[in-house]
Amino acid sequence: QVQLVESGGGLVQAGGSLRLSCAASGRTFSSHAMGWFRQGPGKERECVAAISWSGGSTYYADSVKGRFTISRDNAKNTVYLQMNSLKPEDTAVYYCAARDTGYSGTRYYTRRNEYIYWGQGTQVTVSL
């Protein structure tokens, strides 16, 4: 079992920045590929960023490319999502997710059903 706890959400004006953190406990964090998803009002949950277990491969949705950065610190069992130049359309509940890879492969994962463990979510609201 892996427990994930997100933090860092809040209310920010358009153009501002936030850094989300996802702290993991339980099984070996470093072997897990990680993802950040978001779900806006009336929308499907979508992957906005993902990172391989090693950190060597990353993915960004087109809507956030150039503005968001995913990173991980395996020594701290934490994955981050730095969000800059925030827009009102970034308003959503943000979730982190984990999938154990057993240290095999170098890929990231972008589909909901590819992840086993989920956090409870943190609200991000971007005002005009």
Foldseek 3Di string as FASTA:
>chain_A
DKAKAKDWADEEAAQAKIKIKIAIDDPQLLQKKKWKWWDDVPGDIWTAKIAHSPRPDMDGDPVQPPFWDWDDDSVRRMIMIIGGRDDQVVWTWMKMFIDGPVNDDGDIDIDPVRTDDMYPTDTHGYHD
